[in-house]
Amino acid sequence: MADYDYPKLPLLGDRLPEFEAATTLGPIKLPDDFKGSWFVLFSHPADFTPVCTTEFAAFQKRVSQFDALGCKLVALSIDQVFSHIKWLEWIQEKLGIEITFPVIAATESLAVKLGMLHPNKGTNTVRVVFIVDPGGLLRLMIYYPQEVGRNLDEVLRAVKALQTADTQGPTPADWPNNDLIGDRVIIPPPKNREAARKRMGEAEGFDWWLCHKEFKK
C-alpha cells in the first residue's frame, strides 16, 4: 500500500467528500447522484470473503425495506470492477441472490479520503457504514473490525430513527422498542424556566426535562 498522509476523518454533519468512481452499474458521482435521497454507503474488506458475502446477502434481503424509507444502498471496496462482477455472479449462482445495488471499485486514495483505509489494515477497507441525508450530509458512521459482521437491522433502524428525529423528535434507546416509552419520541427539553414550569401540564413524561409524545407512523 502507498505511504499516504492520512487525512482527518469525515465528521458527523460534514458533507460527504465528493468523488467519482466506477461501479458494477456504471459510473457514479457521490453525493450528487443521490441528491434528494437518503443513502447508505458501506465498505467491505474484499470480494470473495466469507463475512462480506453474508453481509451482501443480508443487505440485499432488506433492499425493499430501505426503498420504503427512500434510502438507496451503495457498496465499496478496493477491488476492480471485474472482480466485483464475478463475485456478484457467484452470489447469484450459488446463493440464489441477485445483488441489485451498485458496488464501487475504489482506489486506495479514495478509500483513504473517506477514512475507510487504516494504516494497520493493508489494502483492505475496514467495515464502515455511512448514512447520508438528502442534502449530502453525513449523519451517522459505524465502524466495525474485519472479523465482526454488521447488524443490518441496526443500519435499517438507524435510517428510520434519523428520519424520525428530523421530523418528530429525538428517539430513545432501542427505539422503537424502548423499555420505558416504547415507540414514542422524546420532546426536547424546554429552553426557559417558564416553559419548564408548564411542561408537565402540557405533556406526558417523568419530569419536565424527560417528556415524550406519540410517534406518528
N, C-alpha and C. Protein backbone atom coordinates (compact mmCIF):
# COMPACT_ATOMS: atom_id res chain seq x y z
N MET A 1 0.84 -1.18 0.00
CA MET A 1 0.00 0.00 0.00
C MET A 1 0.88 1.24 0.00
N ALA A 2 0.44 2.26 -0.71
CA ALA A 2 1.21 3.50 -0.79
C ALA A 2 1.30 4.16 0.58
N ASP A 3 2.33 4.99 0.75
CA ASP A 3 2.54 5.70 2.00
C ASP A 3 1.74 7.00 1.95
N TYR A 4 0.52 6.98 2.49
CA TYR A 4 -0.36 8.13 2.40
C TYR A 4 -0.26 9.02 3.63
N ASP A 5 -0.51 10.30 3.41
CA ASP A 5 -0.70 11.23 4.50
C ASP A 5 -2.18 11.16 4.86
N TYR A 6 -2.51 10.39 5.90
CA TYR A 6 -3.91 10.13 6.19
C TYR A 6 -4.63 11.40 6.63
N PRO A 7 -5.73 11.73 5.97
CA PRO A 7 -6.46 12.95 6.29
C PRO A 7 -7.32 12.78 7.53
N LYS A 8 -7.86 13.90 8.00
CA LYS A 8 -8.81 13.86 9.10
C LYS A 8 -10.06 13.12 8.64
N LEU A 9 -10.57 12.25 9.50
CA LEU A 9 -11.77 11.50 9.15
C LEU A 9 -12.95 12.45 8.99
N PRO A 10 -13.87 12.14 8.07
CA PRO A 10 -15.11 12.93 7.98
C PRO A 10 -15.83 12.93 9.32
N LEU A 11 -16.50 14.02 9.64
CA LEU A 11 -17.21 14.14 10.90
C LEU A 11 -18.71 14.22 10.66
N LEU A 12 -19.48 13.88 11.68
CA LEU A 12 -20.92 13.99 11.58
C LEU A 12 -21.30 15.43 11.27
N GLY A 13 -22.20 15.60 10.30
CA GLY A 13 -22.61 16.93 9.89
C GLY A 13 -21.81 17.47 8.72
N ASP A 14 -20.67 16.85 8.42
CA ASP A 14 -19.89 17.24 7.24
C ASP A 14 -20.60 16.76 5.98
N ARG A 15 -20.36 17.44 4.88
CA ARG A 15 -20.81 16.95 3.59
C ARG A 15 -19.91 15.78 3.21
N LEU A 16 -20.51 14.71 2.70
CA LEU A 16 -19.71 13.57 2.26
C LEU A 16 -18.72 14.06 1.22
N PRO A 17 -17.42 13.73 1.36
CA PRO A 17 -16.44 14.15 0.36
C PRO A 17 -16.87 13.73 -1.05
N GLU A 18 -16.79 14.65 -1.99
CA GLU A 18 -17.23 14.37 -3.35
C GLU A 18 -16.23 13.46 -4.07
N PHE A 19 -16.74 12.54 -4.86
CA PHE A 19 -15.87 11.69 -5.65
C PHE A 19 -16.63 11.06 -6.81
N GLU A 20 -15.90 10.63 -7.81
CA GLU A 20 -16.44 9.88 -8.93
C GLU A 20 -15.72 8.55 -9.00
N ALA A 21 -16.44 7.50 -9.38
CA ALA A 21 -15.83 6.17 -9.41
C ALA A 21 -16.62 5.26 -10.35
N ALA A 22 -15.98 4.15 -10.70
CA ALA A 22 -16.64 3.11 -11.49
C ALA A 22 -17.37 2.17 -10.54
N THR A 23 -18.52 1.65 -10.99
CA THR A 23 -19.26 0.67 -10.20
C THR A 23 -19.75 -0.45 -11.12
N THR A 24 -20.33 -1.44 -10.50
CA THR A 24 -20.89 -2.57 -11.27
C THR A 24 -22.08 -2.15 -12.12
N LEU A 25 -22.66 -0.99 -11.84
CA LEU A 25 -23.80 -0.49 -12.61
C LEU A 25 -23.43 0.75 -13.42
N GLY A 26 -22.12 1.00 -13.59
CA GLY A 26 -21.67 2.15 -14.36
C GLY A 26 -21.09 3.24 -13.46
N PRO A 27 -20.67 4.37 -14.07
CA PRO A 27 -20.03 5.45 -13.30
C PRO A 27 -20.99 6.04 -12.26
N ILE A 28 -20.41 6.52 -11.17
CA ILE A 28 -21.21 7.16 -10.12
C ILE A 28 -20.49 8.40 -9.63
N LYS A 29 -21.27 9.40 -9.25
CA LYS A 29 -20.72 10.61 -8.66
C LYS A 29 -21.48 10.87 -7.37
N LEU A 30 -20.76 10.79 -6.26
CA LEU A 30 -21.40 10.99 -4.95
C LEU A 30 -20.87 12.24 -4.27
N PRO A 31 -21.74 12.92 -3.52
CA PRO A 31 -23.13 12.56 -3.23
C PRO A 31 -24.14 13.06 -4.27
N ASP A 32 -23.66 13.71 -5.35
CA ASP A 32 -24.57 14.38 -6.28
C ASP A 32 -25.60 13.46 -6.92
N ASP A 33 -25.19 12.25 -7.29
CA ASP A 33 -26.12 11.34 -7.98
C ASP A 33 -27.29 10.93 -7.11
N PHE A 34 -27.14 11.04 -5.79
CA PHE A 34 -28.23 10.67 -4.88
C PHE A 34 -28.83 11.89 -4.21
N LYS A 35 -28.65 13.04 -4.83
CA LYS A 35 -29.19 14.28 -4.26
C LYS A 35 -30.70 14.15 -4.07
N GLY A 36 -31.18 14.53 -2.91
CA GLY A 36 -32.60 14.43 -2.62
C GLY A 36 -33.02 13.10 -2.05
N SER A 37 -32.08 12.19 -1.86
CA SER A 37 -32.38 10.86 -1.34
C SER A 37 -31.42 10.51 -0.21
N TRP A 38 -31.91 9.80 0.78
CA TRP A 38 -31.02 9.20 1.76
C TRP A 38 -30.26 8.07 1.10
N PHE A 39 -29.05 7.81 1.55
CA PHE A 39 -28.35 6.61 1.07
C PHE A 39 -27.37 6.11 2.11
N VAL A 40 -27.11 4.81 2.02
CA VAL A 40 -26.14 4.15 2.89
C VAL A 40 -24.96 3.75 2.02
N LEU A 41 -23.79 4.28 2.34
CA LEU A 41 -22.54 3.90 1.69
C LEU A 41 -21.77 3.02 2.67
N PHE A 42 -21.50 1.79 2.26
CA PHE A 42 -20.80 0.89 3.18
C PHE A 42 -19.62 0.22 2.47
N SER A 43 -18.54 0.08 3.20
CA SER A 43 -17.34 -0.53 2.64
C SER A 43 -17.17 -1.94 3.21
N HIS A 44 -16.60 -2.82 2.39
CA HIS A 44 -16.29 -4.17 2.84
C HIS A 44 -14.82 -4.45 2.53
N PRO A 45 -14.16 -5.30 3.32
CA PRO A 45 -12.72 -5.51 3.14
C PRO A 45 -12.33 -6.01 1.76
N ALA A 46 -13.05 -6.98 1.20
CA ALA A 46 -12.63 -7.53 -0.09
C ALA A 46 -13.72 -8.45 -0.64
N ASP A 47 -13.71 -8.60 -1.96
CA ASP A 47 -14.60 -9.56 -2.61
C ASP A 47 -14.16 -10.99 -2.27
N PHE A 48 -15.06 -11.93 -2.47
CA PHE A 48 -14.77 -13.36 -2.26
C PHE A 48 -14.25 -13.64 -0.85
N THR A 49 -14.86 -12.98 0.12
CA THR A 49 -14.51 -13.24 1.52
C THR A 49 -15.78 -13.64 2.27
N PRO A 50 -15.68 -14.52 3.25
CA PRO A 50 -16.88 -15.11 3.88
C PRO A 50 -17.81 -14.12 4.56
N VAL A 51 -17.25 -13.29 5.46
CA VAL A 51 -18.11 -12.37 6.20
C VAL A 51 -18.78 -11.37 5.26
N CYS A 52 -18.04 -10.86 4.31
CA CYS A 52 -18.58 -9.89 3.36
C CYS A 52 -19.71 -10.49 2.54
N THR A 53 -19.57 -11.76 2.18
CA THR A 53 -20.61 -12.43 1.40
C THR A 53 -21.91 -12.50 2.20
N THR A 54 -21.80 -12.82 3.49
CA THR A 54 -23.01 -12.87 4.32
C THR A 54 -23.63 -11.48 4.46
N GLU A 55 -22.80 -10.45 4.51
CA GLU A 55 -23.32 -9.09 4.64
C GLU A 55 -24.06 -8.67 3.38
N PHE A 56 -23.50 -8.96 2.21
CA PHE A 56 -24.16 -8.59 0.96
C PHE A 56 -25.51 -9.28 0.85
N ALA A 57 -25.57 -10.55 1.22
CA ALA A 57 -26.84 -11.27 1.20
C ALA A 57 -27.84 -10.61 2.13
N ALA A 58 -27.38 -10.18 3.30
CA ALA A 58 -28.26 -9.56 4.28
C ALA A 58 -28.73 -8.18 3.83
N PHE A 59 -27.84 -7.39 3.23
CA PHE A 59 -28.25 -6.09 2.70
C PHE A 59 -29.30 -6.26 1.61
N GLN A 60 -29.04 -7.20 0.68
CA GLN A 60 -29.96 -7.39 -0.43
C GLN A 60 -31.34 -7.83 0.07
N LYS A 61 -31.36 -8.66 1.09
CA LYS A 61 -32.63 -9.12 1.67
C LYS A 61 -33.49 -7.95 2.14
N ARG A 62 -32.85 -6.86 2.53
CA ARG A 62 -33.56 -5.71 3.09
C ARG A 62 -33.71 -4.55 2.11
N VAL A 63 -33.37 -4.75 0.85
CA VAL A 63 -33.45 -3.66 -0.13
C VAL A 63 -34.83 -3.03 -0.16
N SER A 64 -35.88 -3.84 -0.17
CA SER A 64 -37.23 -3.30 -0.24
C SER A 64 -37.56 -2.45 0.99
N GLN A 65 -37.01 -2.82 2.14
CA GLN A 65 -37.24 -2.04 3.36
C GLN A 65 -36.51 -0.70 3.30
N PHE A 66 -35.29 -0.70 2.75
CA PHE A 66 -34.59 0.57 2.55
C PHE A 66 -35.33 1.42 1.51
N ASP A 67 -35.81 0.78 0.45
CA ASP A 67 -36.56 1.51 -0.58
C ASP A 67 -37.78 2.20 0.02
N ALA A 68 -38.45 1.51 0.94
CA ALA A 68 -39.65 2.06 1.56
C ALA A 68 -39.33 3.34 2.35
N LEU A 69 -38.09 3.47 2.78
CA LEU A 69 -37.64 4.66 3.51
C LEU A 69 -37.03 5.71 2.58
N GLY A 70 -37.07 5.43 1.27
CA GLY A 70 -36.45 6.36 0.31
C GLY A 70 -34.96 6.38 0.44
N CYS A 71 -34.36 5.24 0.77
CA CYS A 71 -32.93 5.15 1.03
C CYS A 71 -32.28 4.16 0.07
N LYS A 72 -31.22 4.59 -0.58
CA LYS A 72 -30.50 3.75 -1.54
C LYS A 72 -29.28 3.12 -0.85
N LEU A 73 -28.77 2.05 -1.45
CA LEU A 73 -27.57 1.37 -0.96
C LEU A 73 -26.48 1.45 -2.01
N VAL A 74 -25.24 1.60 -1.54
CA VAL A 74 -24.08 1.52 -2.44
C VAL A 74 -22.90 0.99 -1.64
N ALA A 75 -22.22 -0.01 -2.21
CA ALA A 75 -21.10 -0.66 -1.52
C ALA A 75 -19.77 -0.22 -2.12
N LEU A 76 -18.68 -0.54 -1.41
CA LEU A 76 -17.35 -0.09 -1.86
C LEU A 76 -16.27 -1.01 -1.31
N SER A 77 -15.29 -1.33 -2.13
CA SER A 77 -14.05 -1.94 -1.66
C SER A 77 -12.96 -1.66 -2.69
N ILE A 78 -11.72 -1.97 -2.31
CA ILE A 78 -10.60 -1.77 -3.24
C ILE A 78 -10.43 -3.04 -4.05
N ASP A 79 -11.35 -3.27 -4.94
CA ASP A 79 -11.29 -4.37 -5.91
C ASP A 79 -11.69 -3.79 -7.25
N GLN A 80 -11.20 -4.36 -8.33
CA GLN A 80 -11.56 -3.87 -9.64
C GLN A 80 -12.99 -4.29 -9.99
N VAL A 81 -13.58 -3.58 -10.94
CA VAL A 81 -14.97 -3.85 -11.30
C VAL A 81 -15.17 -5.30 -11.73
N PHE A 82 -14.21 -5.87 -12.49
CA PHE A 82 -14.39 -7.25 -12.95
C PHE A 82 -14.45 -8.22 -11.78
N SER A 83 -13.71 -7.93 -10.70
CA SER A 83 -13.76 -8.78 -9.51
C SER A 83 -15.14 -8.67 -8.85
N HIS A 84 -15.65 -7.43 -8.72
CA HIS A 84 -16.99 -7.24 -8.17
C HIS A 84 -18.02 -8.04 -8.97
N ILE A 85 -17.97 -7.90 -10.30
CA ILE A 85 -18.95 -8.56 -11.16
C ILE A 85 -18.90 -10.07 -10.99
N LYS A 86 -17.69 -10.64 -10.98
CA LYS A 86 -17.56 -12.09 -10.83
C LYS A 86 -18.08 -12.56 -9.48
N TRP A 87 -17.77 -11.81 -8.44
CA TRP A 87 -18.25 -12.16 -7.10
C TRP A 87 -19.77 -12.12 -7.03
N LEU A 88 -20.38 -11.07 -7.61
CA LEU A 88 -21.84 -10.97 -7.59
C LEU A 88 -22.46 -12.09 -8.42
N GLU A 89 -21.80 -12.49 -9.50
CA GLU A 89 -22.28 -13.64 -10.27
C GLU A 89 -22.25 -14.91 -9.41
N TRP A 90 -21.18 -15.08 -8.64
CA TRP A 90 -21.06 -16.24 -7.75
C TRP A 90 -22.19 -16.24 -6.72
N ILE A 91 -22.46 -15.07 -6.13
CA ILE A 91 -23.52 -14.97 -5.13
C ILE A 91 -24.87 -15.36 -5.73
N GLN A 92 -25.12 -14.91 -6.96
CA GLN A 92 -26.39 -15.24 -7.59
C GLN A 92 -26.46 -16.73 -7.95
N GLU A 93 -25.36 -17.27 -8.47
CA GLU A 93 -25.35 -18.67 -8.88
C GLU A 93 -25.41 -19.63 -7.70
N LYS A 94 -24.62 -19.36 -6.66
CA LYS A 94 -24.52 -20.30 -5.54
C LYS A 94 -25.56 -20.07 -4.45
N LEU A 95 -25.95 -18.80 -4.25
CA LEU A 95 -26.86 -18.49 -3.15
C LEU A 95 -28.26 -18.12 -3.63
N GLY A 96 -28.40 -17.93 -4.94
CA GLY A 96 -29.70 -17.55 -5.48
C GLY A 96 -30.11 -16.13 -5.14
N ILE A 97 -29.14 -15.26 -4.92
CA ILE A 97 -29.42 -13.87 -4.52
C ILE A 97 -28.80 -12.92 -5.56
N GLU A 98 -29.62 -12.11 -6.19
CA GLU A 98 -29.12 -11.12 -7.15
C GLU A 98 -28.89 -9.80 -6.43
N ILE A 99 -27.66 -9.33 -6.45
CA ILE A 99 -27.33 -8.04 -5.82
C ILE A 99 -27.71 -6.92 -6.78
N THR A 100 -28.61 -6.06 -6.35
CA THR A 100 -29.14 -5.03 -7.25
C THR A 100 -28.55 -3.64 -7.01
N PHE A 101 -27.82 -3.45 -5.94
CA PHE A 101 -27.24 -2.13 -5.67
C PHE A 101 -25.83 -2.05 -6.27
N PRO A 102 -25.34 -0.84 -6.58
CA PRO A 102 -24.01 -0.71 -7.17
C PRO A 102 -22.89 -0.99 -6.18
N VAL A 103 -21.79 -1.51 -6.70
CA VAL A 103 -20.60 -1.76 -5.89
C VAL A 103 -19.45 -0.98 -6.50
N ILE A 104 -18.89 -0.06 -5.73
CA ILE A 104 -17.85 0.83 -6.21
C ILE A 104 -16.50 0.13 -6.22
N ALA A 105 -15.77 0.33 -7.31
CA ALA A 105 -14.38 -0.12 -7.40
C ALA A 105 -13.50 1.05 -6.97
N ALA A 106 -13.10 1.07 -5.72
CA ALA A 106 -12.39 2.21 -5.16
C ALA A 106 -10.88 2.10 -5.36
N THR A 107 -10.23 3.22 -5.46
CA THR A 107 -8.78 3.28 -5.42
C THR A 107 -8.35 3.43 -3.97
N GLU A 108 -7.09 3.18 -3.70
CA GLU A 108 -6.60 3.36 -2.33
C GLU A 108 -6.75 4.81 -1.89
N SER A 109 -6.48 5.74 -2.78
CA SER A 109 -6.57 7.16 -2.41
C SER A 109 -8.00 7.55 -2.07
N LEU A 110 -8.98 6.99 -2.79
CA LEU A 110 -10.38 7.29 -2.48
C LEU A 110 -10.75 6.71 -1.11
N ALA A 111 -10.35 5.47 -0.85
CA ALA A 111 -10.65 4.85 0.44
C ALA A 111 -10.02 5.63 1.59
N VAL A 112 -8.82 6.14 1.38
CA VAL A 112 -8.16 6.96 2.40
C VAL A 112 -8.94 8.25 2.61
N LYS A 113 -9.38 8.87 1.52
CA LYS A 113 -10.14 10.12 1.59
C LYS A 113 -11.40 9.97 2.41
N LEU A 114 -12.01 8.79 2.34
CA LEU A 114 -13.25 8.54 3.05
C LEU A 114 -13.04 7.97 4.45
N GLY A 115 -11.77 7.77 4.84
CA GLY A 115 -11.49 7.22 6.16
C GLY A 115 -11.79 5.75 6.27
N MET A 116 -11.78 5.04 5.13
CA MET A 116 -12.11 3.62 5.10
C MET A 116 -10.88 2.72 5.04
N LEU A 117 -9.71 3.32 4.92
CA LEU A 117 -8.47 2.55 4.82
C LEU A 117 -7.56 2.98 5.97
N HIS A 118 -7.22 2.04 6.83
CA HIS A 118 -6.44 2.35 8.02
C HIS A 118 -5.03 1.77 7.89
N PRO A 119 -4.03 2.44 8.45
CA PRO A 119 -2.64 2.05 8.24
C PRO A 119 -2.31 0.60 8.57
N ASN A 120 -2.94 0.03 9.59
CA ASN A 120 -2.60 -1.33 10.01
C ASN A 120 -3.47 -2.40 9.37
N LYS A 121 -4.24 -2.03 8.33
CA LYS A 121 -5.14 -2.99 7.70
C LYS A 121 -4.74 -3.30 6.26
N GLY A 122 -3.55 -2.91 5.85
CA GLY A 122 -3.11 -3.20 4.50
C GLY A 122 -3.99 -2.53 3.46
N THR A 123 -4.36 -3.28 2.42
CA THR A 123 -5.20 -2.71 1.36
C THR A 123 -6.67 -3.08 1.53
N ASN A 124 -7.03 -3.63 2.67
CA ASN A 124 -8.44 -3.97 2.92
C ASN A 124 -9.14 -2.82 3.60
N THR A 125 -10.26 -2.39 3.04
CA THR A 125 -11.03 -1.35 3.70
C THR A 125 -11.72 -1.93 4.94
N VAL A 126 -11.77 -1.14 5.99
CA VAL A 126 -12.48 -1.58 7.19
C VAL A 126 -13.98 -1.53 6.90
N ARG A 127 -14.78 -2.14 7.79
CA ARG A 127 -16.23 -2.14 7.58
C ARG A 127 -16.82 -0.84 8.13
N VAL A 128 -17.11 0.08 7.22
CA VAL A 128 -17.68 1.37 7.59
C VAL A 128 -19.10 1.45 7.05
N VAL A 129 -19.98 2.05 7.83
CA VAL A 129 -21.32 2.41 7.35
C VAL A 129 -21.45 3.92 7.46
N PHE A 130 -21.72 4.57 6.34
CA PHE A 130 -22.05 5.99 6.31
C PHE A 130 -23.54 6.11 5.95
N ILE A 131 -24.30 6.81 6.76
CA ILE A 131 -25.66 7.15 6.40
C ILE A 131 -25.68 8.63 6.03
N VAL A 132 -26.12 8.91 4.81
CA VAL A 132 -26.06 10.27 4.26
C VAL A 132 -27.47 10.75 3.95
N ASP A 133 -27.76 12.01 4.31
CA ASP A 133 -29.12 12.52 4.13
C ASP A 133 -29.31 13.14 2.74
N PRO A 134 -30.52 13.57 2.41
CA PRO A 134 -30.79 14.09 1.06
C PRO A 134 -29.96 15.30 0.67
N GLY A 135 -29.41 16.00 1.66
CA GLY A 135 -28.56 17.14 1.37
C GLY A 135 -27.09 16.78 1.21
N GLY A 136 -26.77 15.48 1.28
CA GLY A 136 -25.40 15.04 1.13
C GLY A 136 -24.59 15.12 2.41
N LEU A 137 -25.27 15.33 3.55
CA LEU A 137 -24.57 15.45 4.83
C LEU A 137 -24.44 14.09 5.51
N LEU A 138 -23.29 13.87 6.09
CA LEU A 138 -23.01 12.62 6.81
C LEU A 138 -23.69 12.68 8.17
N ARG A 139 -24.66 11.77 8.37
CA ARG A 139 -25.46 11.82 9.58
C ARG A 139 -25.12 10.76 10.62
N LEU A 140 -24.52 9.65 10.17
CA LEU A 140 -24.18 8.58 11.10
C LEU A 140 -23.03 7.78 10.53
N MET A 141 -22.11 7.35 11.40
CA MET A 141 -20.99 6.50 11.00
C MET A 141 -20.89 5.34 11.97
N ILE A 142 -20.67 4.15 11.46
CA ILE A 142 -20.42 2.98 12.29
C ILE A 142 -19.20 2.26 11.72
N TYR A 143 -18.21 1.99 12.57
CA TYR A 143 -17.01 1.27 12.16
C TYR A 143 -16.99 -0.12 12.82
N TYR A 144 -16.73 -1.11 12.02
CA TYR A 144 -16.60 -2.48 12.51
C TYR A 144 -15.23 -3.04 12.11
N PRO A 145 -14.63 -3.89 12.94
CA PRO A 145 -13.40 -4.56 12.52
C PRO A 145 -13.72 -5.62 11.47
N GLN A 146 -12.69 -6.10 10.80
CA GLN A 146 -12.89 -7.07 9.73
C GLN A 146 -13.54 -8.36 10.21
N GLU A 147 -13.28 -8.73 11.46
CA GLU A 147 -13.73 -10.03 11.95
C GLU A 147 -15.16 -10.02 12.50
N VAL A 148 -15.83 -8.88 12.48
CA VAL A 148 -17.19 -8.78 13.02
C VAL A 148 -18.15 -8.29 11.93
N GLY A 149 -19.10 -9.14 11.56
CA GLY A 149 -20.09 -8.75 10.58
C GLY A 149 -21.09 -7.76 11.17
N ARG A 150 -21.64 -6.94 10.31
CA ARG A 150 -22.56 -5.90 10.75
C ARG A 150 -23.96 -6.44 11.07
N ASN A 151 -24.67 -5.70 11.92
CA ASN A 151 -26.08 -5.97 12.19
C ASN A 151 -26.89 -5.11 11.23
N LEU A 152 -27.45 -5.72 10.19
CA LEU A 152 -28.12 -4.95 9.15
C LEU A 152 -29.46 -4.39 9.62
N ASP A 153 -30.09 -5.05 10.57
CA ASP A 153 -31.32 -4.49 11.13
C ASP A 153 -31.03 -3.18 11.85
N GLU A 154 -29.85 -3.07 12.47
CA GLU A 154 -29.48 -1.82 13.14
C GLU A 154 -29.26 -0.70 12.13
N VAL A 155 -28.66 -1.01 10.99
CA VAL A 155 -28.47 0.01 9.96
C VAL A 155 -29.83 0.52 9.48
N LEU A 156 -30.74 -0.41 9.23
CA LEU A 156 -32.09 -0.05 8.80
C LEU A 156 -32.80 0.78 9.87
N ARG A 157 -32.67 0.35 11.13
CA ARG A 157 -33.29 1.07 12.24
C ARG A 157 -32.72 2.49 12.36
N ALA A 158 -31.41 2.62 12.15
CA ALA A 158 -30.76 3.92 12.27
C ALA A 158 -31.27 4.90 11.23
N VAL A 159 -31.48 4.42 9.99
CA VAL A 159 -32.03 5.29 8.95
C VAL A 159 -33.41 5.79 9.37
N LYS A 160 -34.25 4.87 9.81
CA LYS A 160 -35.61 5.25 10.22
C LYS A 160 -35.57 6.19 11.42
N ALA A 161 -34.66 5.94 12.36
CA ALA A 161 -34.56 6.80 13.55
C ALA A 161 -34.11 8.20 13.18
N LEU A 162 -33.16 8.32 12.26
CA LEU A 162 -32.70 9.64 11.81
C LEU A 162 -33.82 10.41 11.13
N GLN A 163 -34.56 9.73 10.28
CA GLN A 163 -35.67 10.38 9.60
C GLN A 163 -36.74 10.82 10.59
N THR A 164 -36.99 9.99 11.59
CA THR A 164 -37.97 10.32 12.62
C THR A 164 -37.50 11.49 13.47
N ALA A 165 -36.21 11.49 13.82
CA ALA A 165 -35.66 12.58 14.62
C ALA A 165 -35.77 13.91 13.88
N ASP A 166 -35.61 13.87 12.56
CA ASP A 166 -35.68 15.10 11.77
C ASP A 166 -37.10 15.66 11.71
N THR A 167 -38.10 14.80 11.77
CA THR A 167 -39.47 15.25 11.56
C THR A 167 -40.32 15.27 12.82
N GLN A 168 -39.97 14.44 13.83
CA GLN A 168 -40.83 14.33 15.01
C GLN A 168 -40.13 14.58 16.33
N GLY A 169 -38.84 14.26 16.41
CA GLY A 169 -38.12 14.46 17.65
C GLY A 169 -37.14 13.34 17.91
N PRO A 170 -36.23 13.52 18.87
CA PRO A 170 -35.22 12.51 19.18
C PRO A 170 -35.84 11.18 19.55
N THR A 171 -35.13 10.11 19.23
CA THR A 171 -35.61 8.76 19.56
C THR A 171 -34.82 8.19 20.74
N PRO A 172 -35.48 7.43 21.62
CA PRO A 172 -34.81 6.88 22.80
C PRO A 172 -34.00 5.64 22.46
N ALA A 173 -33.33 5.10 23.46
CA ALA A 173 -32.55 3.87 23.30
C ALA A 173 -33.45 2.74 22.79
N ASP A 174 -32.89 1.94 21.89
CA ASP A 174 -33.58 0.77 21.35
C ASP A 174 -34.88 1.10 20.62
N TRP A 175 -35.08 2.37 20.28
CA TRP A 175 -36.29 2.75 19.56
C TRP A 175 -36.43 1.89 18.30
N PRO A 176 -37.63 1.42 17.98
CA PRO A 176 -38.94 1.75 18.55
C PRO A 176 -39.40 0.80 19.65
N ASN A 177 -38.49 0.15 20.34
CA ASN A 177 -38.85 -0.80 21.39
C ASN A 177 -38.18 -0.44 22.71
N ASN A 178 -38.29 0.82 23.08
CA ASN A 178 -37.67 1.28 24.32
C ASN A 178 -38.40 0.72 25.53
N ASP A 179 -37.64 0.33 26.56
CA ASP A 179 -38.24 -0.28 27.76
C ASP A 179 -39.14 0.68 28.53
N LEU A 180 -38.87 1.98 28.43
CA LEU A 180 -39.64 2.95 29.22
C LEU A 180 -40.83 3.54 28.46
N ILE A 181 -40.63 3.86 27.17
CA ILE A 181 -41.69 4.59 26.46
C ILE A 181 -42.06 3.95 25.12
N GLY A 182 -41.60 2.75 24.87
CA GLY A 182 -41.98 2.06 23.65
C GLY A 182 -41.50 2.77 22.40
N ASP A 183 -42.44 3.04 21.47
CA ASP A 183 -42.04 3.67 20.21
C ASP A 183 -42.27 5.19 20.21
N ARG A 184 -42.54 5.76 21.39
CA ARG A 184 -42.76 7.21 21.48
C ARG A 184 -41.43 7.96 21.29
N VAL A 185 -41.53 9.24 20.94
CA VAL A 185 -40.34 10.05 20.71
C VAL A 185 -40.20 11.09 21.81
N ILE A 186 -38.97 11.54 21.98
CA ILE A 186 -38.65 12.49 23.05
C ILE A 186 -39.03 13.91 22.65
N ILE A 187 -39.56 14.64 23.61
CA ILE A 187 -39.78 16.08 23.41
C ILE A 187 -38.53 16.81 23.92
N PRO A 188 -37.88 17.61 23.09
CA PRO A 188 -36.68 18.31 23.55
C PRO A 188 -36.96 19.13 24.81
N PRO A 189 -36.00 19.22 25.74
CA PRO A 189 -36.21 19.96 26.98
C PRO A 189 -36.57 21.42 26.71
N PRO A 190 -37.35 22.03 27.59
CA PRO A 190 -37.73 23.44 27.42
C PRO A 190 -36.50 24.35 27.53
N LYS A 191 -36.64 25.54 26.96
CA LYS A 191 -35.50 26.45 26.86
C LYS A 191 -35.49 27.54 27.92
N ASN A 192 -36.53 27.60 28.73
CA ASN A 192 -36.54 28.60 29.79
C ASN A 192 -37.37 28.11 30.96
N ARG A 193 -37.32 28.81 32.09
CA ARG A 193 -37.96 28.36 33.32
C ARG A 193 -39.48 28.34 33.20
N GLU A 194 -40.03 29.31 32.50
CA GLU A 194 -41.47 29.35 32.35
C GLU A 194 -41.98 28.15 31.56
N ALA A 195 -41.28 27.80 30.48
CA ALA A 195 -41.66 26.62 29.69
C ALA A 195 -41.49 25.35 30.50
N ALA A 196 -40.45 25.29 31.34
CA ALA A 196 -40.23 24.13 32.20
C ALA A 196 -41.37 23.98 33.20
N ARG A 197 -41.83 25.11 33.76
CA ARG A 197 -42.91 25.08 34.74
C ARG A 197 -44.21 24.53 34.13
N LYS A 198 -44.44 24.85 32.86
CA LYS A 198 -45.68 24.44 32.20
C LYS A 198 -45.61 23.04 31.59
N ARG A 199 -44.42 22.54 31.39
CA ARG A 199 -44.24 21.33 30.60
C ARG A 199 -45.07 20.14 31.10
N MET A 200 -45.05 19.86 32.40
CA MET A 200 -45.74 18.66 32.89
C MET A 200 -47.27 18.79 32.79
N GLY A 201 -47.76 20.00 32.64
CA GLY A 201 -49.19 20.17 32.43
C GLY A 201 -49.58 20.06 30.98
N GLU A 202 -48.59 20.03 30.12
CA GLU A 202 -48.85 20.02 28.69
C GLU A 202 -48.43 18.72 28.00
N ALA A 203 -47.59 17.93 28.66
CA ALA A 203 -47.05 16.74 28.01
C ALA A 203 -46.92 15.60 29.00
N GLU A 204 -46.79 14.39 28.47
CA GLU A 204 -46.55 13.21 29.30
C GLU A 204 -45.05 13.07 29.55
N GLY A 205 -44.69 12.58 30.73
CA GLY A 205 -43.29 12.36 30.99
C GLY A 205 -42.99 12.04 32.44
N PHE A 206 -41.72 11.91 32.73
CA PHE A 206 -41.26 11.57 34.08
C PHE A 206 -40.89 12.82 34.86
N ASP A 207 -40.51 13.85 34.15
CA ASP A 207 -40.19 15.15 34.73
C ASP A 207 -40.17 16.13 33.56
N TRP A 208 -40.07 17.44 33.86
CA TRP A 208 -40.16 18.42 32.77
C TRP A 208 -39.05 18.28 31.73
N TRP A 209 -37.93 17.66 32.11
CA TRP A 209 -36.81 17.52 31.17
C TRP A 209 -36.82 16.17 30.46
N LEU A 210 -37.76 15.28 30.82
CA LEU A 210 -37.83 13.95 30.20
C LEU A 210 -39.29 13.65 29.85
N CYS A 211 -39.77 14.31 28.80
CA CYS A 211 -41.13 14.11 28.34
C CYS A 211 -41.13 13.46 26.96
N HIS A 212 -42.27 12.90 26.60
CA HIS A 212 -42.34 12.18 25.33
C HIS A 212 -43.71 12.35 24.71
N LYS A 213 -43.82 11.98 23.44
CA LYS A 213 -45.09 12.13 22.72
C LYS A 213 -45.25 10.95 21.76
N GLU A 214 -46.44 10.83 21.22
CA GLU A 214 -46.76 9.73 20.32
C GLU A 214 -45.95 9.80 19.04
N PHE A 215 -45.48 8.66 18.59
CA PHE A 215 -44.81 8.56 17.29
C PHE A 215 -45.88 8.43 16.21
N LYS A 216 -45.86 9.34 15.25
CA LYS A 216 -46.83 9.32 14.16
C LYS A 216 -46.28 8.49 13.01
N LYS A 217 -46.87 7.34 12.80
CA LYS A 217 -46.41 6.41 11.76
C LYS A 217 -46.76 6.94 10.37
